[in-house]
C-alpha atoms as a PDB file:
ATOM      1  CA  MET A   1      23.033  63.683 -49.015  1.00  0.00           C
ATOM      2  CA  ARG A   2      26.003  65.395 -47.365  1.00  0.00           C
ATOM      3  CA  MET A   3      28.461  62.959 -45.846  1.00  0.00           C
ATOM      4  CA  SER A   4      29.236  63.292 -42.162  1.00  0.00           C
ATOM      5  CA  ILE A   5      32.111  61.534 -40.443  1.00  0.00           C
ATOM      6  CA  VAL A   6      33.039  62.060 -36.823  1.00  0.00           C
ATOM      7  CA  ILE A   7      36.698  62.843 -36.289  1.00  0.00           C
ATOM      8  CA  VAL A   8      38.284  60.404 -33.885  1.00  0.00           C
ATOM      9  CA  PHE A   9      40.391  62.489 -31.530  1.00  0.00           C
ATOM     10  CA  MET A  10      43.510  60.817 -30.302  1.00  0.00           C
ATOM     11  CA  VAL A  11      45.071  63.293 -27.922  1.00  0.00           C
ATOM     12  CA  LEU A  12      48.275  61.779 -26.690  1.00  0.00           C
ATOM     13  CA  THR A  13      48.924  60.979 -23.078  1.00  0.00           C
ATOM     14  CA  LEU A  14      50.910  63.323 -20.932  1.00  0.00           C
ATOM     15  CA  VAL A  15      54.653  63.035 -20.840  1.00  0.00           C
ATOM     16  CA  HIS A  16      56.242  62.099 -17.562  1.00  0.00           C
ATOM     17  CA  VAL A  17      59.744  63.510 -17.510  1.00  0.00           C
ATOM     18  CA  GLY A  18      62.885  62.780 -15.608  1.00  0.00           C
ATOM     19  CA  TYR A  19      62.538  59.029 -15.173  1.00  0.00           C
ATOM     20  CA  CYS A  20      61.567  55.875 -17.011  1.00  0.00           C
ATOM     21  CA  GLN A  21      61.019  52.552 -15.292  1.00  0.00           C
ATOM     22  CA  ASP A  22      60.392  49.146 -16.828  1.00  0.00           C
ATOM     23  CA  GLN A  23      57.195  48.174 -15.066  1.00  0.00           C
ATOM     24  CA  GLY A  24      57.843  44.525 -15.834  1.00  0.00           C
ATOM     25  CA  LYS A  25      60.659  44.515 -13.285  1.00  0.00           C
ATOM     26  CA  ASP A  26      58.467  44.720 -10.204  1.00  0.00           C
ATOM     27  CA  GLU A  27      61.136  43.377  -7.865  1.00  0.00           C
ATOM     28  CA  LEU A  28      63.568  46.054  -8.945  1.00  0.00           C
ATOM     29  CA  LEU A  29      60.869  48.704  -8.646  1.00  0.00           C
ATOM     30  CA  ASP A  30      60.106  47.627  -5.090  1.00  0.00           C
ATOM     31  CA  ALA A  31      63.784  47.472  -4.265  1.00  0.00           C
ATOM     32  CA  ALA A  32      64.308  50.997  -5.580  1.00  0.00           C
ATOM     33  CA  ILE A  33      61.380  52.248  -3.482  1.00  0.00           C
ATOM     34  CA  ARG A  34      62.843  50.673  -0.346  1.00  0.00           C
ATOM     35  CA  GLU A  35      66.241  52.230  -0.968  1.00  0.00           C
ATOM     36  CA  PHE A  36      64.820  55.730  -1.460  1.00  0.00           C
ATOM     37  CA  GLN A  37      62.662  55.296   1.650  1.00  0.00           C
ATOM     38  CA  GLN A  38      65.743  54.399   3.660  1.00  0.00           C
ATOM     39  CA  SER A  39      67.638  57.297   2.128  1.00  0.00           C
ATOM     40  CA  ILE A  40      64.883  59.668   3.245  1.00  0.00           C
ATOM     41  CA  GLU A  41      64.882  58.180   6.768  1.00  0.00           C
ATOM     42  CA  LYS A  42      68.554  59.102   7.044  1.00  0.00           C
ATOM     43  CA  ASN A  43      68.269  62.403   5.179  1.00  0.00           C
ATOM     44  CA  PRO A  44      64.695  63.755   5.201  1.00  0.00           C
ATOM     45  CA  GLY A  45      65.826  67.001   3.582  1.00  0.00           C
ATOM     46  CA  SER A  46      66.860  65.440   0.292  1.00  0.00           C
ATOM     47  CA  ALA A  47      64.590  66.930  -2.384  1.00  0.00           C
ATOM     48  CA  GLU A  48      66.030  64.565  -4.993  1.00  0.00           C
ATOM     49  CA  ALA A  49      65.188  61.491  -2.907  1.00  0.00           C
ATOM     50  CA  HIS A  50      61.588  62.616  -2.393  1.00  0.00           C
ATOM     51  CA  TYR A  51      61.314  63.444  -6.110  1.00  0.00           C
ATOM     52  CA  ASN A  52      62.569  60.050  -7.255  1.00  0.00           C
ATOM     53  CA  LEU A  53      60.400  58.268  -4.724  1.00  0.00           C
ATOM     54  CA  GLY A  54      57.443  60.187  -6.151  1.00  0.00           C
ATOM     55  CA  ILE A  55      58.293  58.912  -9.622  1.00  0.00           C
ATOM     56  CA  LEU A  56      58.535  55.342  -8.390  1.00  0.00           C
ATOM     57  CA  TYR A  57      55.237  55.561  -6.512  1.00  0.00           C
ATOM     58  CA  SER A  58      53.656  56.876  -9.703  1.00  0.00           C
ATOM     59  CA  GLU A  59      55.071  53.970 -11.697  1.00  0.00           C
ATOM     60  CA  LYS A  60      53.603  51.584  -9.119  1.00  0.00           C
ATOM     61  CA  GLY A  61      50.184  53.234  -9.341  1.00  0.00           C
ATOM     62  CA  MET A  62      50.413  54.720  -5.841  1.00  0.00           C
ATOM     63  CA  THR A  63      49.129  58.106  -6.965  1.00  0.00           C
ATOM     64  CA  GLU A  64      48.399  59.777  -3.639  1.00  0.00           C
ATOM     65  CA  GLU A  65      51.739  58.677  -2.238  1.00  0.00           C
ATOM     66  CA  ALA A  66      53.428  60.114  -5.335  1.00  0.00           C
ATOM     67  CA  VAL A  67      51.598  63.427  -4.899  1.00  0.00           C
ATOM     68  CA  THR A  68      52.750  63.562  -1.274  1.00  0.00           C
ATOM     69  CA  GLU A  69      56.386  63.016  -2.270  1.00  0.00           C
ATOM     70  CA  TYR A  70      56.281  65.708  -4.958  1.00  0.00           C
ATOM     71  CA  LYS A  71      54.796  68.128  -2.437  1.00  0.00           C
ATOM     72  CA  LYS A  72      57.565  67.289   0.018  1.00  0.00           C
ATOM     73  CA  THR A  73      60.084  67.881  -2.754  1.00  0.00           C
ATOM     74  CA  LEU A  74      58.669  71.351  -3.310  1.00  0.00           C
ATOM     75  CA  GLU A  75      58.576  72.137   0.401  1.00  0.00           C
ATOM     76  CA  ILE A  76      62.317  71.480   0.494  1.00  0.00           C
ATOM     77  CA  GLU A  77      63.138  73.024  -2.867  1.00  0.00           C
ATOM     78  CA  PRO A  78      60.378  75.388  -4.109  1.00  0.00           C
ATOM     79  CA  ASN A  79      62.063  75.856  -7.502  1.00  0.00           C
ATOM     80  CA  PHE A  80      62.129  72.145  -8.411  1.00  0.00           C
ATOM     81  CA  VAL A  81      60.434  72.575 -11.791  1.00  0.00           C
ATOM     82  CA  LYS A  82      60.205  68.883 -12.720  1.00  0.00           C
ATOM     83  CA  ALA A  83      58.302  68.189  -9.516  1.00  0.00           C
ATOM     84  CA  TYR A  84      55.731  70.816 -10.517  1.00  0.00           C
ATOM     85  CA  ASN A  85      55.436  69.217 -13.959  1.00  0.00           C
ATOM     86  CA  ASN A  86      55.023  65.679 -12.659  1.00  0.00           C
ATOM     87  CA  LEU A  87      52.583  66.862 -10.011  1.00  0.00           C
ATOM     88  CA  GLY A  88      50.568  68.488 -12.797  1.00  0.00           C
ATOM     89  CA  VAL A  89      50.562  65.192 -14.672  1.00  0.00           C
ATOM     90  CA  LEU A  90      49.202  63.320 -11.670  1.00  0.00           C
ATOM     91  CA  TYR A  91      46.531  65.939 -11.059  1.00  0.00           C
ATOM     92  CA  TYR A  92      45.464  65.611 -14.703  1.00  0.00           C
ATOM     93  CA  GLU A  93      45.314  61.835 -14.504  1.00  0.00           C
ATOM     94  CA  THR A  94      43.102  62.015 -11.424  1.00  0.00           C
ATOM     95  CA  GLY A  95      40.752  64.615 -12.913  1.00  0.00           C
ATOM     96  CA  ARG A  96      41.985  67.548 -10.827  1.00  0.00           C
ATOM     97  CA  LEU A  97      42.383  69.769 -13.853  1.00  0.00           C
ATOM     98  CA  ASP A  98      42.467  73.167 -12.171  1.00  0.00           C
ATOM     99  CA  GLU A  99      45.236  71.993  -9.862  1.00  0.00           C
ATOM    100  CA  ALA A 100      47.056  70.509 -12.851  1.00  0.00           C
ATOM    101  CA  ILE A 101      46.975  73.855 -14.656  1.00  0.00           C
ATOM    102  CA  GLU A 102      48.206  75.692 -11.564  1.00  0.00           C
ATOM    103  CA  SER A 103      51.100  73.287 -11.093  1.00  0.00           C
ATOM    104  CA  LEU A 104      52.145  73.312 -14.743  1.00  0.00           C
ATOM    105  CA  LYS A 105      51.985  77.100 -14.879  1.00  0.00           C
ATOM    106  CA  LYS A 106      54.334  77.251 -11.898  1.00  0.00           C
ATOM    107  CA  ALA A 107      56.799  75.007 -13.742  1.00  0.00           C
ATOM    108  CA  ILE A 108      56.618  77.242 -16.818  1.00  0.00           C
ATOM    109  CA  ALA A 109      57.003  80.422 -14.754  1.00  0.00           C
ATOM    110  CA  LEU A 110      60.176  79.039 -13.194  1.00  0.00           C
ATOM    111  CA  ALA A 111      61.562  77.791 -16.514  1.00  0.00           C
ATOM    112  CA  PRO A 112      59.810  79.430 -19.508  1.00  0.00           C
ATOM    113  CA  PRO A 113      61.486  77.175 -22.118  1.00  0.00           C
ATOM    114  CA  TYR A 114      60.279  74.061 -20.223  1.00  0.00           C
ATOM    115  CA  ILE A 115      58.709  72.396 -23.221  1.00  0.00           C
ATOM    116  CA  GLU A 116      57.293  69.315 -21.460  1.00  0.00           C
ATOM    117  CA  ALA A 117      55.263  71.419 -19.037  1.00  0.00           C
ATOM    118  CA  GLN A 118      54.041  73.647 -21.876  1.00  0.00           C
ATOM    119  CA  TYR A 119      52.977  70.585 -23.885  1.00  0.00           C
ATOM    120  CA  ASN A 120      51.234  69.041 -20.884  1.00  0.00           C
ATOM    121  CA  LEU A 121      49.450  72.323 -20.236  1.00  0.00           C
ATOM    122  CA  GLY A 122      47.978  72.155 -23.738  1.00  0.00           C
ATOM    123  CA  ILE A 123      46.620  68.692 -23.054  1.00  0.00           C
ATOM    124  CA  VAL A 124      45.070  69.754 -19.762  1.00  0.00           C
ATOM    125  CA  TYR A 125      43.410  72.751 -21.406  1.00  0.00           C
ATOM    126  CA  HIS A 126      42.034  70.406 -24.064  1.00  0.00           C
ATOM    127  CA  GLY A 127      40.698  68.186 -21.290  1.00  0.00           C
ATOM    128  CA  LYS A 128      38.904  71.211 -19.815  1.00  0.00           C
ATOM    129  CA  LYS A 129      37.533  72.040 -23.284  1.00  0.00           C
ATOM    130  CA  GLN A 130      39.340  75.364 -23.183  1.00  0.00           C
ATOM    131  CA  TYR A 131      40.396  74.926 -26.775  1.00  0.00           C
ATOM    132  CA  SER A 132      41.725  78.417 -27.444  1.00  0.00           C
ATOM    133  CA  ASN A 133      44.065  78.062 -24.476  1.00  0.00           C
ATOM    134  CA  ALA A 134      45.106  74.619 -25.711  1.00  0.00           C
ATOM    135  CA  VAL A 135      45.918  76.060 -29.144  1.00  0.00           C
ATOM    136  CA  ALA A 136      48.026  78.787 -27.537  1.00  0.00           C
ATOM    137  CA  ALA A 137      49.922  76.212 -25.450  1.00  0.00           C
ATOM    138  CA  PHE A 138      50.669  73.907 -28.389  1.00  0.00           C
ATOM    139  CA  LYS A 139      51.723  76.875 -30.523  1.00  0.00           C
ATOM    140  CA  LYS A 140      54.172  77.846 -27.806  1.00  0.00           C
ATOM    141  CA  VAL A 141      55.618  74.333 -27.898  1.00  0.00           C
ATOM    142  CA  VAL A 142      56.306  74.463 -31.633  1.00  0.00           C
ATOM    143  CA  GLU A 143      57.797  77.938 -31.254  1.00  0.00           C
ATOM    144  CA  ILE A 144      60.301  76.447 -28.818  1.00  0.00           C
ATOM    145  CA  ASN A 145      60.767  73.269 -30.876  1.00  0.00           C
ATOM    146  CA  PRO A 146      59.568  73.467 -34.507  1.00  0.00           C
ATOM    147  CA  LYS A 147      60.163  69.707 -34.842  1.00  0.00           C
ATOM    148  CA  HIS A 148      57.731  68.689 -32.078  1.00  0.00           C
ATOM    149  CA  GLU A 149      55.484  66.385 -34.091  1.00  0.00           C
ATOM    150  CA  LYS A 150      53.142  65.549 -31.207  1.00  0.00           C
ATOM    151  CA  ALA A 151      52.450  69.210 -30.535  1.00  0.00           C
ATOM    152  CA  TYR A 152      51.543  69.752 -34.193  1.00  0.00           C
ATOM    153  CA  TYR A 153      49.358  66.657 -34.080  1.00  0.00           C
ATOM    154  CA  ASN A 154      47.516  67.771 -30.957  1.00  0.00           C
ATOM    155  CA  LEU A 155      47.234  71.250 -32.432  1.00  0.00           C
ATOM    156  CA  GLY A 156      45.500  69.649 -35.418  1.00  0.00           C
ATOM    157  CA  VAL A 157      43.191  67.692 -33.130  1.00  0.00           C
ATOM    158  CA  THR A 158      42.305  70.825 -31.187  1.00  0.00           C
ATOM    159  CA  TYR A 159      41.585  72.843 -34.320  1.00  0.00           C
ATOM    160  CA  ALA A 160      39.419  69.981 -35.587  1.00  0.00           C
ATOM    161  CA  THR A 161      37.504  70.029 -32.312  1.00  0.00           C
ATOM    162  CA  MET A 162      36.840  73.711 -32.961  1.00  0.00           C
ATOM    163  CA  ASP A 163      35.764  72.947 -36.568  1.00  0.00           C
ATOM    164  CA  SER A 164      38.702  75.010 -37.827  1.00  0.00           C
ATOM    165  CA  LEU A 165      39.467  72.422 -40.469  1.00  0.00           C
ATOM    166  CA  ASP A 166      41.850  74.464 -42.625  1.00  0.00           C
ATOM    167  CA  GLU A 167      44.077  75.125 -39.622  1.00  0.00           C
ATOM    168  CA  SER A 168      43.705  71.509 -38.587  1.00  0.00           C
ATOM    169  CA  LEU A 169      44.978  70.294 -41.948  1.00  0.00           C
ATOM    170  CA  VAL A 170      47.957  72.637 -41.821  1.00  0.00           C
ATOM    171  CA  ALA A 171      48.932  71.236 -38.419  1.00  0.00           C
ATOM    172  CA  PHE A 172      48.503  67.587 -39.473  1.00  0.00           C
ATOM    173  CA  LYS A 173      50.589  68.206 -42.596  1.00  0.00           C
ATOM    174  CA  LYS A 174      53.389  69.627 -40.471  1.00  0.00           C
ATOM    175  CA  ALA A 175      53.211  66.579 -38.206  1.00  0.00           C
ATOM    176  CA  VAL A 176      53.642  64.148 -41.113  1.00  0.00           C
ATOM    177  CA  ALA A 177      56.338  66.325 -42.682  1.00  0.00           C
ATOM    178  CA  ILE A 178      58.345  65.839 -39.496  1.00  0.00           C
ATOM    179  CA  ASN A 179      57.378  62.181 -39.117  1.00  0.00           C
ATOM    180  CA  PRO A 180      56.236  60.538 -42.379  1.00  0.00           C
ATOM    181  CA  GLN A 181      55.247  57.428 -40.367  1.00  0.00           C
ATOM    182  CA  TYR A 182      52.690  59.286 -38.220  1.00  0.00           C
ATOM    183  CA  THR A 183      49.682  57.047 -38.892  1.00  0.00           C
ATOM    184  CA  ASP A 184      47.199  58.850 -36.652  1.00  0.00           C
ATOM    185  CA  ALA A 185      47.998  62.176 -38.296  1.00  0.00           C
ATOM    186  CA  TYR A 186      47.261  60.737 -41.750  1.00  0.00           C
ATOM    187  CA  TYR A 187      44.024  59.236 -40.456  1.00  0.00           C
ATOM    188  CA  ASN A 188      42.757  62.443 -38.894  1.00  0.00           C
ATOM    189  CA  MET A 189      43.929  64.400 -41.922  1.00  0.00           C
ATOM    190  CA  GLY A 190      41.736  62.142 -44.028  1.00  0.00           C
ATOM    191  CA  ILE A 191      38.765  62.764 -41.772  1.00  0.00           C
ATOM    192  CA  ALA A 192      39.309  66.532 -41.936  1.00  0.00           C
ATOM    193  CA  TYR A 193      39.427  66.381 -45.735  1.00  0.00           C
ATOM    194  CA  ALA A 194      36.259  64.299 -45.744  1.00  0.00           C
ATOM    195  CA  LYS A 195      34.427  66.837 -43.582  1.00  0.00           C
ATOM    196  CA  GLN A 196      35.374  69.452 -46.178  1.00  0.00           C
ATOM    197  CA  ASP A 197      34.045  67.206 -48.975  1.00  0.00           C
ATOM    198  CA  GLN A 198      37.540  66.876 -50.426  1.00  0.00           C
ATOM    199  CA  LEU A 199      36.927  63.189 -50.841  1.00  0.00           C
ATOM    200  CA  ASP A 200      39.802  62.321 -53.173  1.00  0.00           C
ATOM    201  CA  GLU A 201      42.308  63.909 -50.771  1.00  0.00           C
ATOM    202  CA  ALA A 202      40.599  62.122 -47.901  1.00  0.00           C
ATOM    203  CA  ILE A 203      40.988  58.790 -49.673  1.00  0.00           C
ATOM    204  CA  LYS A 204      44.715  59.396 -50.249  1.00  0.00           C
ATOM    205  CA  SER A 205      45.324  60.210 -46.597  1.00  0.00           C
ATOM    206  CA  LEU A 206      43.313  57.269 -45.317  1.00  0.00           C
ATOM    207  CA  GLN A 207      45.029  54.870 -47.699  1.00  0.00           C
ATOM    208  CA  LYS A 208      48.368  56.162 -46.441  1.00  0.00           C
ATOM    209  CA  ALA A 209      47.242  55.496 -42.874  1.00  0.00           C
ATOM    210  CA  LEU A 210      46.389  51.921 -43.857  1.00  0.00           C
ATOM    211  CA  GLU A 211      49.697  51.491 -45.651  1.00  0.00           C
ATOM    212  CA  LEU A 212      51.463  52.415 -42.416  1.00  0.00           C
ATOM    213  CA  ASN A 213      49.165  50.363 -40.167  1.00  0.00           C
ATOM    214  CA  PRO A 214      47.256  47.673 -42.095  1.00  0.00           C
ATOM    215  CA  ALA A 215      45.741  46.282 -38.872  1.00  0.00           C
ATOM    216  CA  ASP A 216      43.834  49.488 -38.061  1.00  0.00           C
ATOM    217  CA  ASP A 217      40.097  49.202 -38.717  1.00  0.00           C
ATOM    218  CA  LYS A 218      39.255  52.925 -38.535  1.00  0.00           C
ATOM    219  CA  PRO A 219      40.588  53.927 -41.974  1.00  0.00           C
ATOM    220  CA  HIS A 220      38.634  51.028 -43.524  1.00  0.00           C
ATOM    221  CA  PHE A 221      35.434  52.283 -41.887  1.00  0.00           C
ATOM    222  CA  ALA A 222      36.045  55.870 -43.011  1.00  0.00           C
ATOM    223  CA  LEU A 223      36.867  54.762 -46.547  1.00  0.00           C
ATOM    224  CA  GLY A 224      33.672  52.719 -46.607  1.00  0.00           C
ATOM    225  CA  VAL A 225      31.637  55.800 -45.724  1.00  0.00           C
ATOM    226  CA  ILE A 226      33.423  57.877 -48.365  1.00  0.00           C
ATOM    227  CA  TYR A 227      32.981  55.304 -51.140  1.00  0.00           C
ATOM    228  CA  GLN A 228      29.320  54.945 -50.189  1.00  0.00           C
ATOM    229  CA  SER A 229      28.902  58.719 -50.363  1.00  0.00           C
ATOM    230  CA  LYS A 230      30.621  58.918 -53.760  1.00  0.00           C
ATOM    231  CA  ARG A 231      28.409  56.118 -55.061  1.00  0.00           C
ATOM    232  CA  LYS A 232      25.223  57.831 -53.872  1.00  0.00           C
ATOM    233  CA  ALA A 233      26.349  61.095 -55.471  1.00  0.00           C
ATOM    234  CA  LYS A 234      26.993  59.277 -58.750  1.00  0.00           C
ATOM    235  CA  VAL A 235      23.612  57.522 -58.699  1.00  0.00           C
ATOM    236  CA  SER A 236      21.794  60.770 -57.943  1.00  0.00           C
ATOM    237  CA  GLY A 237      23.557  62.654 -60.710  1.00  0.00           C
ATOM    238  CA  GLY A 238      26.057  64.431 -58.486  1.00  0.00           C
ATOM    239  CA  LYS A 239      23.495  65.868 -56.069  1.00  0.00           C
END
């Protein structure tokens, strides 16, 4: 009986750029929002103030308010590429994928080497199940930055979704070559090997995933299926 294991896709979340806020500090977050609001009251034409307020609203979960601020940013400064990127992220998170693609493409058109927008575009295309476009986007990312481990990982996931397992394995191997601690890449590499009936290689990759993250249950489950398959093959004389 041919073994069948479903690859667990773990496409990474989109990257918000330009700002990072500790969400545990709610008082400081609220204080920052108030200050930017007051800044805008006194200077409504400040693109930077609207942009940063958009980031803070996003951190607070006020998505529509964040979208409004990014749009205001772009009304004031139409070439504000990070606003296009972050707007694309919010559109993706709210399921507005066509608008996300449009916004991210505008960011890339204004700044072709803008790697974050290119990476996010790949994720949105994957979300739309436009896998060939996702592959092209992730390939562009690694052309710009050959050390972008997440792009290689998501490239591997996308190829696996397309059942292009050889290409998937190449991408996962590049991801772990850049980051030898990339547990998810080892796990999905093991699954890809298993789907090709390269069970010994699958076992090695899954054991490496467990070595890096002993608390993860998924490699144990996959190994159980593989060992069961090998046992059945042995009992049936290799058939």
